[in-house]
Amino acid sequence: MSKRRFHSRAASIPWLILASSCATTTPSYVDVQLPAYASAIFVECASTNGALSFQVNRQGQTLEAAELEWAAKPNGNWGLASYSPFGQTLFQIQFIKQSQTFEATGRRGNWLDEVSIGKDGFLRYKGQKLGLKPDEFPCFFSGHLPRHWLRQVVSYTTDSEGLNLAIQDKERLTAVRIAKHGGTTPWTWQSTSTWDVYWGLRRESVQLQSRKDASMVLTAENLQDIECRWSPKEEE
């Protein structure tokens, strides 16, 4: 693990401990009034669309790369597709919210065959929970966080570096850090979610960072050094 990644995770530990203390009792949610620059990070995930450059990397080597377009519908369904220069569909992924299933067609990486959705609504890779829900991804694609997370805030504090939110969604505990303008961090916000596995004997985590170069970086403890990175691109 790089020093940078260790530092970013270590910075979230106090908020993860705070959030963990909330998991033993019924959550007590708090209303928050965020400043405009922080409030703009949280958006509705449906009825959105865009294009992005996407990479899957492992220890600095690119495993997959594609130029993608995505669109989310008001009913919660969304699709992700890659097209050839001639407009042919190379591959397509469709998420169907009502049935909580994925449909994939065309050329795609073998790793997609290992992705599923658990009964609890969370994504799984090779049967292991990833701590994110499929209907949240349209927000992540656009570099934002789901607005409904603001209804699940159990703690809100500020410090010299920015804002800290502790968010509880059932057993998932999320620490969100939002940097103040002009800060020294390489990211504008980061979200670290943790959850128990093996009946509470171990905790795992997944982290999203919105970098200052407009790219998004996703890492997870159980993805074995895999990094997913994407950035918005102008549609031609």
Protein backbone atom coordinates (compact mmCIF):
# COMPACT_ATOMS: atom_id res chain seq x y z
CA MET A 1 0.00 0.00 0.00
CA SER A 2 1.38 3.40 -0.92
CA LYS A 3 2.11 6.00 1.75
CA ARG A 4 -0.44 8.30 0.11
CA ARG A 5 -3.23 5.72 0.27
CA PHE A 6 -2.31 4.79 3.86
CA HIS A 7 -2.37 8.45 4.86
CA SER A 8 -5.78 9.07 3.28
CA ARG A 9 -7.25 6.05 5.04
CA ALA A 10 -5.60 6.86 8.33
CA ALA A 11 -7.07 10.37 8.21
CA SER A 12 -10.55 8.80 8.16
CA ILE A 13 -10.01 6.47 11.14
CA PRO A 14 -11.41 8.84 13.82
CA TRP A 15 -14.61 9.21 11.82
CA LEU A 16 -14.89 5.48 11.20
CA ILE A 17 -14.57 4.85 14.93
CA LEU A 18 -17.25 7.46 15.57
CA ALA A 19 -19.52 5.88 12.97
CA SER A 20 -18.87 2.40 14.40
CA SER A 21 -20.22 3.51 17.74
CA CYS A 22 -23.50 4.36 16.01
CA ALA A 23 -23.91 0.83 14.63
CA THR A 24 -24.79 -0.68 18.00
CA THR A 25 -27.92 1.46 18.49
CA THR A 26 -30.72 2.86 16.39
CA PRO A 27 -29.20 5.63 14.25
CA SER A 28 -29.86 9.18 15.38
CA TYR A 29 -29.77 11.21 12.18
CA VAL A 30 -28.98 14.91 12.20
CA ASP A 31 -30.00 17.68 9.85
CA VAL A 32 -27.08 19.44 8.22
CA GLN A 33 -26.83 22.74 6.40
CA LEU A 34 -23.79 22.48 4.16
CA PRO A 35 -22.09 25.45 2.51
CA ALA A 36 -22.85 25.77 -1.18
CA TYR A 37 -19.58 24.26 -2.41
CA ALA A 38 -20.13 21.13 -0.28
CA SER A 39 -23.86 20.83 -0.97
CA ALA A 40 -23.16 20.80 -4.73
CA ILE A 41 -21.28 17.49 -4.33
CA PHE A 42 -24.52 15.67 -3.46
CA VAL A 43 -26.89 15.15 -6.41
CA GLU A 44 -29.79 12.97 -7.55
CA CYS A 45 -28.44 9.91 -9.35
CA ALA A 46 -31.38 9.41 -11.74
CA SER A 47 -32.06 11.36 -14.96
CA THR A 48 -28.36 12.00 -15.61
CA ASN A 49 -25.97 11.14 -18.43
CA GLY A 50 -22.46 11.76 -19.67
CA ALA A 51 -19.27 10.29 -21.13
CA LEU A 52 -16.07 9.18 -19.43
CA SER A 53 -12.68 7.60 -19.94
CA PHE A 54 -12.37 4.48 -17.79
CA GLN A 55 -9.42 2.36 -16.68
CA VAL A 56 -8.91 -0.66 -14.46
CA ASN A 57 -5.33 -0.75 -13.15
CA ARG A 58 -3.35 -3.17 -11.02
CA GLN A 59 -0.08 -1.99 -9.48
CA GLY A 60 0.37 0.63 -12.18
CA GLN A 61 -0.46 -1.65 -15.12
CA THR A 62 -3.65 -1.14 -17.13
CA LEU A 63 -5.91 -4.21 -17.26
CA GLU A 64 -8.85 -2.60 -19.07
CA ALA A 65 -9.44 0.76 -20.76
CA ALA A 66 -12.45 2.12 -22.60
CA GLU A 67 -14.25 5.26 -23.65
CA LEU A 68 -17.79 5.01 -22.27
CA GLU A 69 -21.13 6.75 -22.35
CA TRP A 70 -23.71 6.33 -19.61
CA ALA A 71 -27.28 7.37 -18.91
CA ALA A 72 -29.56 6.96 -15.89
CA LYS A 73 -33.35 6.96 -16.15
CA PRO A 74 -35.91 8.35 -13.67
CA ASN A 75 -36.95 4.80 -12.69
CA GLY A 76 -33.44 4.04 -11.40
CA ASN A 77 -32.27 1.96 -14.36
CA TRP A 78 -28.96 2.93 -15.94
CA GLY A 79 -26.77 1.83 -18.81
CA LEU A 80 -23.08 2.01 -19.68
CA ALA A 81 -21.84 1.43 -23.24
CA SER A 82 -18.74 1.59 -25.41
CA TYR A 83 -18.98 2.40 -29.12
CA SER A 84 -16.66 2.00 -32.08
CA PRO A 85 -15.66 5.02 -34.21
CA PHE A 86 -18.39 3.87 -36.64
CA GLY A 87 -21.10 3.92 -33.99
CA GLN A 88 -21.27 0.18 -33.39
CA THR A 89 -21.87 -0.98 -29.81
CA LEU A 90 -18.77 -2.81 -28.56
CA PHE A 91 -20.29 -3.72 -25.22
CA GLN A 92 -23.14 -2.60 -23.01
CA ILE A 93 -24.08 -3.00 -19.36
CA GLN A 94 -27.64 -2.42 -18.17
CA PHE A 95 -28.67 -2.22 -14.52
CA ILE A 96 -32.35 -3.03 -13.89
CA LYS A 97 -33.33 -1.60 -10.52
CA GLN A 98 -36.65 -3.44 -10.09
CA SER A 99 -35.06 -6.87 -10.45
CA GLN A 100 -31.67 -5.79 -9.03
CA THR A 101 -29.84 -7.44 -11.92
CA PHE A 102 -27.20 -6.65 -14.52
CA GLU A 103 -27.39 -7.46 -18.23
CA ALA A 104 -24.12 -7.33 -20.20
CA THR A 105 -23.65 -7.83 -23.94
CA GLY A 106 -20.73 -7.63 -26.34
CA ARG A 107 -16.99 -7.63 -25.66
CA ARG A 108 -16.08 -7.06 -22.03
CA GLY A 109 -13.46 -8.00 -19.48
CA ASN A 110 -13.74 -11.35 -17.73
CA TRP A 111 -13.85 -9.54 -14.38
CA LEU A 112 -17.45 -8.50 -15.12
CA ASP A 113 -18.53 -12.14 -14.87
CA GLU A 114 -17.50 -12.04 -11.22
CA VAL A 115 -19.72 -9.05 -10.34
CA SER A 116 -23.13 -9.69 -8.77
CA ILE A 117 -25.72 -8.00 -6.54
CA GLY A 118 -26.40 -9.45 -3.10
CA LYS A 119 -29.80 -9.76 -1.43
CA ASP A 120 -28.87 -6.73 0.67
CA GLY A 121 -28.58 -4.62 -2.50
CA PHE A 122 -24.80 -4.23 -2.36
CA LEU A 123 -22.40 -5.13 -5.15
CA ARG A 124 -20.24 -8.21 -4.75
CA TYR A 125 -17.06 -9.27 -6.51
CA LYS A 126 -16.30 -13.00 -6.45
CA GLY A 127 -18.93 -13.25 -3.74
CA GLN A 128 -17.30 -10.63 -1.52
CA LYS A 129 -19.20 -7.49 -0.62
CA LEU A 130 -17.95 -4.24 -2.14
CA GLY A 131 -19.94 -1.86 0.07
CA LEU A 132 -21.51 0.13 -2.80
CA LYS A 133 -24.98 -0.06 -4.34
CA PRO A 134 -25.53 -0.16 -8.12
CA ASP A 135 -28.03 2.70 -8.15
CA GLU A 136 -25.37 4.98 -6.62
CA PHE A 137 -23.02 4.66 -9.57
CA PRO A 138 -24.58 7.31 -11.85
CA CYS A 139 -23.63 9.81 -9.14
CA PHE A 140 -20.10 8.40 -8.95
CA PHE A 141 -19.76 8.46 -12.76
CA SER A 142 -20.35 12.21 -12.70
CA GLY A 143 -17.97 12.81 -9.80
CA HIS A 144 -20.67 13.30 -7.16
CA LEU A 145 -22.24 11.57 -4.16
CA PRO A 146 -25.91 10.54 -3.76
CA ARG A 147 -28.08 13.28 -2.30
CA HIS A 148 -30.08 10.82 -0.20
CA TRP A 149 -26.92 10.22 1.87
CA LEU A 150 -27.62 13.60 3.49
CA ARG A 151 -30.69 12.01 5.13
CA GLN A 152 -28.45 9.43 6.79
CA VAL A 153 -25.93 11.72 8.50
CA VAL A 154 -25.21 10.76 12.13
CA SER A 155 -22.39 13.25 12.72
CA TYR A 156 -21.26 16.51 11.12
CA THR A 157 -18.15 18.45 12.17
CA THR A 158 -15.68 20.91 10.68
CA ASP A 159 -11.97 21.46 11.15
CA SER A 160 -9.18 23.52 9.59
CA GLU A 161 -9.01 21.20 6.54
CA GLY A 162 -12.72 20.88 5.71
CA LEU A 163 -15.96 19.12 6.57
CA ASN A 164 -16.51 15.67 8.06
CA LEU A 165 -19.72 13.67 7.66
CA ALA A 166 -20.43 10.29 9.24
CA ILE A 167 -23.20 8.49 7.33
CA GLN A 168 -24.92 5.25 8.29
CA ASP A 169 -26.87 3.08 5.84
CA LYS A 170 -27.77 -0.13 7.69
CA GLU A 171 -24.45 -1.89 8.39
CA ARG A 172 -22.46 0.35 6.03
CA LEU A 173 -20.67 3.21 7.76
CA THR A 174 -19.29 5.99 5.57
CA ALA A 175 -16.89 8.79 6.44
CA VAL A 176 -17.01 11.66 3.95
CA ARG A 177 -14.30 14.31 3.96
CA ILE A 178 -14.86 17.48 1.91
CA ALA A 179 -11.82 19.71 1.54
CA LYS A 180 -12.12 23.47 1.81
CA HIS A 181 -11.23 25.50 -1.25
CA GLY A 182 -7.51 26.08 -1.50
CA GLY A 183 -6.63 23.10 0.69
CA THR A 184 -3.45 21.05 0.32
CA THR A 185 -5.07 17.64 -0.27
CA PRO A 186 -4.85 16.13 -3.80
CA TRP A 187 -8.61 15.47 -3.65
CA THR A 188 -11.68 17.67 -3.33
CA TRP A 189 -13.61 14.99 -1.42
CA GLN A 190 -13.18 11.40 -0.37
CA SER A 191 -15.64 8.81 0.87
CA THR A 192 -14.56 5.76 2.89
CA SER A 193 -17.19 3.09 3.61
CA THR A 194 -16.64 0.21 6.03
CA TRP A 195 -18.66 -2.86 6.98
CA ASP A 196 -18.27 -6.05 9.02
CA VAL A 197 -17.50 -9.45 7.48
CA TYR A 198 -17.26 -12.90 9.03
CA TRP A 199 -19.80 -12.05 11.75
CA GLY A 200 -17.90 -8.96 12.80
CA LEU A 201 -14.49 -10.60 13.06
CA ARG A 202 -13.10 -8.32 10.36
CA ARG A 203 -13.90 -5.01 8.72
CA GLU A 204 -13.39 -4.16 5.08
CA SER A 205 -13.57 -0.85 3.27
CA VAL A 206 -13.96 0.82 -0.09
CA GLN A 207 -12.79 4.34 -0.87
CA LEU A 208 -13.76 6.87 -3.52
CA GLN A 209 -11.74 9.99 -4.18
CA SER A 210 -12.62 12.92 -6.39
CA ARG A 211 -9.20 14.18 -7.44
CA LYS A 212 -8.38 17.79 -8.26
CA ASP A 213 -7.57 16.76 -11.84
CA ALA A 214 -11.30 15.86 -12.18
CA SER A 215 -10.62 12.10 -12.13
CA MET A 216 -12.37 9.63 -9.82
CA VAL A 217 -10.43 6.83 -8.12
CA LEU A 218 -12.02 3.76 -6.52
CA THR A 219 -10.05 1.30 -4.38
CA ALA A 220 -11.21 -1.51 -2.09
CA GLU A 221 -9.41 -3.78 0.36
CA ASN A 222 -10.83 -6.94 -1.20
CA LEU A 223 -9.96 -6.00 -4.81
CA GLN A 224 -6.30 -7.02 -4.42
CA ASP A 225 -4.49 -3.84 -5.51
CA ILE A 226 -7.00 -3.08 -8.27
CA GLU A 227 -7.71 0.59 -8.90
CA CYS A 228 -10.62 1.82 -10.99
CA ARG A 229 -10.12 5.32 -12.40
CA TRP A 230 -12.37 7.41 -14.61
CA SER A 231 -12.64 11.02 -15.73
CA PRO A 232 -15.31 12.94 -17.64
CA LYS A 233 -14.79 13.55 -21.34
CA GLU A 234 -16.45 15.89 -23.75
CA GLU A 235 -18.92 14.18 -26.05
CA GLU A 236 -18.12 14.73 -29.72
